[in-house]
N, C-alpha and C. Protein backbone atom coordinates (compact mmCIF):
# COMPACT_ATOMS: atom_id res chain seq x y z
N MET A 1 195.33 361.80 -67.74
CA MET A 1 194.10 361.19 -68.18
C MET A 1 193.09 362.27 -68.55
N VAL A 2 192.33 362.03 -69.55
CA VAL A 2 191.33 362.97 -70.04
C VAL A 2 190.09 362.91 -69.15
N GLN A 3 189.51 364.07 -68.87
CA GLN A 3 188.28 364.18 -68.09
C GLN A 3 187.18 364.68 -69.02
N ILE A 4 186.06 363.96 -69.10
CA ILE A 4 184.92 364.43 -69.88
C ILE A 4 183.69 364.46 -68.98
N THR A 5 182.78 365.39 -69.29
CA THR A 5 181.56 365.54 -68.50
C THR A 5 180.37 365.64 -69.44
N TYR A 6 179.43 364.72 -69.28
CA TYR A 6 178.16 364.80 -69.98
C TYR A 6 177.24 365.67 -69.14
N ARG A 7 176.60 366.65 -69.77
CA ARG A 7 175.69 367.55 -69.07
C ARG A 7 174.26 367.30 -69.56
N ILE A 8 173.33 367.24 -68.61
CA ILE A 8 171.92 367.05 -68.96
C ILE A 8 171.33 368.44 -69.20
N VAL A 9 170.76 368.64 -70.38
CA VAL A 9 170.26 369.96 -70.77
C VAL A 9 168.91 369.83 -71.48
N GLU A 10 168.14 370.91 -71.44
CA GLU A 10 166.92 370.96 -72.24
C GLU A 10 167.32 371.08 -73.70
N HIS A 11 166.63 370.33 -74.55
CA HIS A 11 167.01 370.34 -75.97
C HIS A 11 165.84 369.88 -76.84
N ASP A 12 165.53 370.68 -77.84
CA ASP A 12 164.56 370.30 -78.88
C ASP A 12 163.23 369.82 -78.30
N GLY A 13 162.72 370.52 -77.31
CA GLY A 13 161.42 370.19 -76.74
C GLY A 13 161.46 369.07 -75.71
N GLY A 14 162.63 368.65 -75.32
CA GLY A 14 162.77 367.59 -74.32
C GLY A 14 164.08 367.76 -73.58
N TRP A 15 164.76 366.64 -73.32
CA TRP A 15 166.03 366.65 -72.60
C TRP A 15 167.04 365.81 -73.34
N ALA A 16 168.31 366.18 -73.20
CA ALA A 16 169.40 365.44 -73.85
C ALA A 16 170.63 365.52 -72.97
N TYR A 17 171.60 364.68 -73.29
CA TYR A 17 172.90 364.88 -72.66
C TYR A 17 173.81 365.49 -73.71
N GLN A 18 174.72 366.34 -73.25
CA GLN A 18 175.58 367.11 -74.14
C GLN A 18 177.03 366.92 -73.74
N LEU A 19 177.86 366.81 -74.75
CA LEU A 19 179.31 366.79 -74.55
C LEU A 19 179.89 367.77 -75.55
N GLY A 20 180.51 368.83 -75.03
CA GLY A 20 180.99 369.88 -75.94
C GLY A 20 179.78 370.48 -76.64
N GLY A 21 179.83 370.57 -77.95
CA GLY A 21 178.72 371.11 -78.71
C GLY A 21 177.82 370.05 -79.32
N THR A 22 177.96 368.80 -78.87
CA THR A 22 177.20 367.70 -79.46
C THR A 22 176.13 367.22 -78.49
N TYR A 23 174.91 367.03 -79.03
CA TYR A 23 173.78 366.58 -78.23
C TYR A 23 173.43 365.14 -78.56
N SER A 24 172.91 364.44 -77.58
CA SER A 24 172.37 363.11 -77.81
C SER A 24 171.01 363.25 -78.49
N GLU A 25 170.35 362.13 -78.70
CA GLU A 25 168.96 362.20 -79.12
C GLU A 25 168.16 362.87 -78.01
N THR A 26 166.96 363.30 -78.31
CA THR A 26 166.11 363.97 -77.33
C THR A 26 165.29 362.93 -76.57
N TYR A 27 165.24 363.09 -75.26
CA TYR A 27 164.47 362.20 -74.39
C TYR A 27 163.29 362.98 -73.82
N PRO A 28 162.21 362.29 -73.44
CA PRO A 28 161.02 363.01 -72.99
C PRO A 28 161.15 363.70 -71.65
N ASP A 29 162.08 363.22 -70.79
CA ASP A 29 162.22 363.84 -69.48
C ASP A 29 163.68 363.78 -69.01
N HIS A 30 163.94 364.56 -67.97
CA HIS A 30 165.29 364.70 -67.42
C HIS A 30 165.84 363.36 -66.95
N ASP A 31 165.03 362.60 -66.21
CA ASP A 31 165.52 361.34 -65.64
C ASP A 31 165.92 360.33 -66.71
N THR A 32 165.19 360.28 -67.80
CA THR A 32 165.53 359.35 -68.89
C THR A 32 166.82 359.78 -69.58
N ALA A 33 166.98 361.07 -69.78
CA ALA A 33 168.23 361.57 -70.38
C ALA A 33 169.41 361.30 -69.46
N ARG A 34 169.21 361.48 -68.16
CA ARG A 34 170.29 361.22 -67.20
C ARG A 34 170.66 359.74 -67.18
N ALA A 35 169.67 358.86 -67.21
CA ALA A 35 169.95 357.43 -67.23
C ALA A 35 170.72 357.04 -68.48
N ALA A 36 170.38 357.64 -69.62
CA ALA A 36 171.10 357.36 -70.87
C ALA A 36 172.54 357.85 -70.77
N ALA A 37 172.75 359.02 -70.19
CA ALA A 37 174.10 359.57 -70.04
C ALA A 37 174.94 358.69 -69.11
N ILE A 38 174.34 358.19 -68.05
CA ILE A 38 175.06 357.31 -67.13
C ILE A 38 175.47 356.03 -67.85
N ALA A 39 174.58 355.48 -68.68
CA ALA A 39 174.91 354.27 -69.44
C ALA A 39 176.06 354.53 -70.40
N VAL A 40 176.05 355.67 -71.07
CA VAL A 40 177.13 356.02 -71.99
C VAL A 40 178.44 356.23 -71.21
N ALA A 41 178.35 356.85 -70.06
CA ALA A 41 179.55 357.09 -69.24
C ALA A 41 180.17 355.76 -68.82
N ARG A 42 179.35 354.78 -68.46
CA ARG A 42 179.88 353.46 -68.10
C ARG A 42 180.61 352.82 -69.27
N GLU A 43 180.04 352.96 -70.46
CA GLU A 43 180.67 352.38 -71.65
C GLU A 43 182.02 353.02 -71.94
N GLN A 44 182.17 354.29 -71.61
CA GLN A 44 183.44 354.98 -71.83
C GLN A 44 184.58 354.33 -71.04
N LYS A 45 184.25 353.70 -69.92
CA LYS A 45 185.26 353.15 -69.03
C LYS A 45 185.67 351.71 -69.39
N VAL A 46 184.96 351.08 -70.32
CA VAL A 46 185.25 349.69 -70.67
C VAL A 46 186.46 349.64 -71.59
N PRO A 47 187.53 348.94 -71.19
CA PRO A 47 188.70 348.84 -72.06
C PRO A 47 188.38 348.05 -73.32
N ASP A 48 189.09 348.35 -74.36
CA ASP A 48 188.86 347.72 -75.66
C ASP A 48 190.22 347.51 -76.31
N GLU A 49 190.19 347.03 -77.54
CA GLU A 49 191.41 346.85 -78.31
C GLU A 49 191.84 348.18 -78.91
N ASN A 50 193.13 348.30 -79.23
CA ASN A 50 193.58 349.47 -79.97
C ASN A 50 192.90 349.47 -81.32
N THR A 51 192.52 350.65 -81.80
CA THR A 51 191.80 350.73 -83.07
C THR A 51 191.97 352.11 -83.68
N LEU A 52 191.63 352.23 -84.95
CA LEU A 52 191.60 353.54 -85.61
C LEU A 52 190.23 354.15 -85.37
N ILE A 53 190.21 355.44 -85.04
CA ILE A 53 188.95 356.15 -84.87
C ILE A 53 188.94 357.36 -85.79
N GLU A 54 187.74 357.79 -86.14
CA GLU A 54 187.55 358.99 -86.96
C GLU A 54 186.56 359.90 -86.26
N TYR A 55 186.85 361.19 -86.32
CA TYR A 55 185.94 362.17 -85.74
C TYR A 55 186.16 363.50 -86.43
N ALA A 56 185.15 364.37 -86.33
CA ALA A 56 185.25 365.71 -86.89
C ALA A 56 185.70 366.67 -85.80
N ASN A 57 186.69 367.52 -86.12
CA ASN A 57 187.13 368.51 -85.14
C ASN A 57 186.21 369.74 -85.22
N ALA A 58 186.50 370.76 -84.44
CA ALA A 58 185.64 371.94 -84.38
C ALA A 58 185.52 372.66 -85.72
N SER A 59 186.52 372.48 -86.60
CA SER A 59 186.48 373.12 -87.92
C SER A 59 185.78 372.27 -88.96
N GLY A 60 185.32 371.10 -88.56
CA GLY A 60 184.63 370.21 -89.50
C GLY A 60 185.56 369.28 -90.26
N GLU A 61 186.87 369.34 -89.97
CA GLU A 61 187.83 368.44 -90.61
C GLU A 61 187.70 367.06 -90.00
N TRP A 62 187.80 366.02 -90.83
CA TRP A 62 187.80 364.66 -90.32
C TRP A 62 189.21 364.26 -89.94
N ILE A 63 189.36 363.72 -88.74
CA ILE A 63 190.64 363.30 -88.19
C ILE A 63 190.61 361.78 -88.02
N THR A 64 191.69 361.12 -88.42
CA THR A 64 191.84 359.68 -88.19
C THR A 64 193.06 359.50 -87.30
N GLU A 65 192.88 358.75 -86.21
CA GLU A 65 194.01 358.49 -85.32
C GLU A 65 193.84 357.13 -84.65
N ARG A 66 194.93 356.61 -84.15
CA ARG A 66 194.90 355.34 -83.44
C ARG A 66 194.56 355.62 -81.98
N ALA A 67 193.59 354.87 -81.46
CA ALA A 67 193.18 355.02 -80.07
C ALA A 67 193.65 353.81 -79.27
N ASP A 68 194.27 354.09 -78.15
CA ASP A 68 194.68 353.05 -77.22
C ASP A 68 193.44 352.59 -76.47
N GLY A 69 193.06 351.36 -76.64
CA GLY A 69 191.85 350.84 -76.03
C GLY A 69 191.87 350.77 -74.51
N HIS A 70 193.03 351.00 -73.91
CA HIS A 70 193.11 350.93 -72.46
C HIS A 70 193.29 352.31 -71.84
N ASP A 71 193.38 353.35 -72.65
CA ASP A 71 193.53 354.72 -72.17
C ASP A 71 192.14 355.34 -72.11
N ARG A 72 191.42 355.04 -71.07
CA ARG A 72 190.02 355.46 -70.95
C ARG A 72 189.90 356.76 -70.17
N PRO A 73 188.96 357.62 -70.53
CA PRO A 73 188.79 358.90 -69.82
C PRO A 73 188.11 358.72 -68.48
N GLU A 74 188.27 359.73 -67.63
CA GLU A 74 187.45 359.85 -66.42
C GLU A 74 186.16 360.52 -66.88
N VAL A 75 185.01 360.01 -66.45
CA VAL A 75 183.73 360.49 -66.96
C VAL A 75 182.81 360.87 -65.80
N ASP A 76 182.16 362.04 -65.95
CA ASP A 76 181.14 362.50 -65.00
C ASP A 76 179.85 362.80 -65.75
N VAL A 77 178.75 362.80 -65.00
CA VAL A 77 177.45 363.23 -65.52
C VAL A 77 176.96 364.32 -64.57
N GLU A 78 176.62 365.48 -65.14
CA GLU A 78 176.12 366.60 -64.35
C GLU A 78 174.69 366.93 -64.77
N GLY A 79 173.87 367.25 -63.78
CA GLY A 79 172.51 367.67 -64.08
C GLY A 79 171.47 366.64 -63.75
């Protein structure tokens, strides 16, 4: 099973949650950013239908693949 961790970090004059090199929108304070990250983490655990997903890899290439809606990651929030 995949493990992902959202980290609460200072960003763009406020606070955001970060996964890899991607930041959320900016929130005015740490607690609001943490609450948003916890909400997103909960959504990660909700099973869904199998579907096609698209995302950009580290090189900027767009990848299309089928995602198993029941293969959900383990999610943590740090910070």
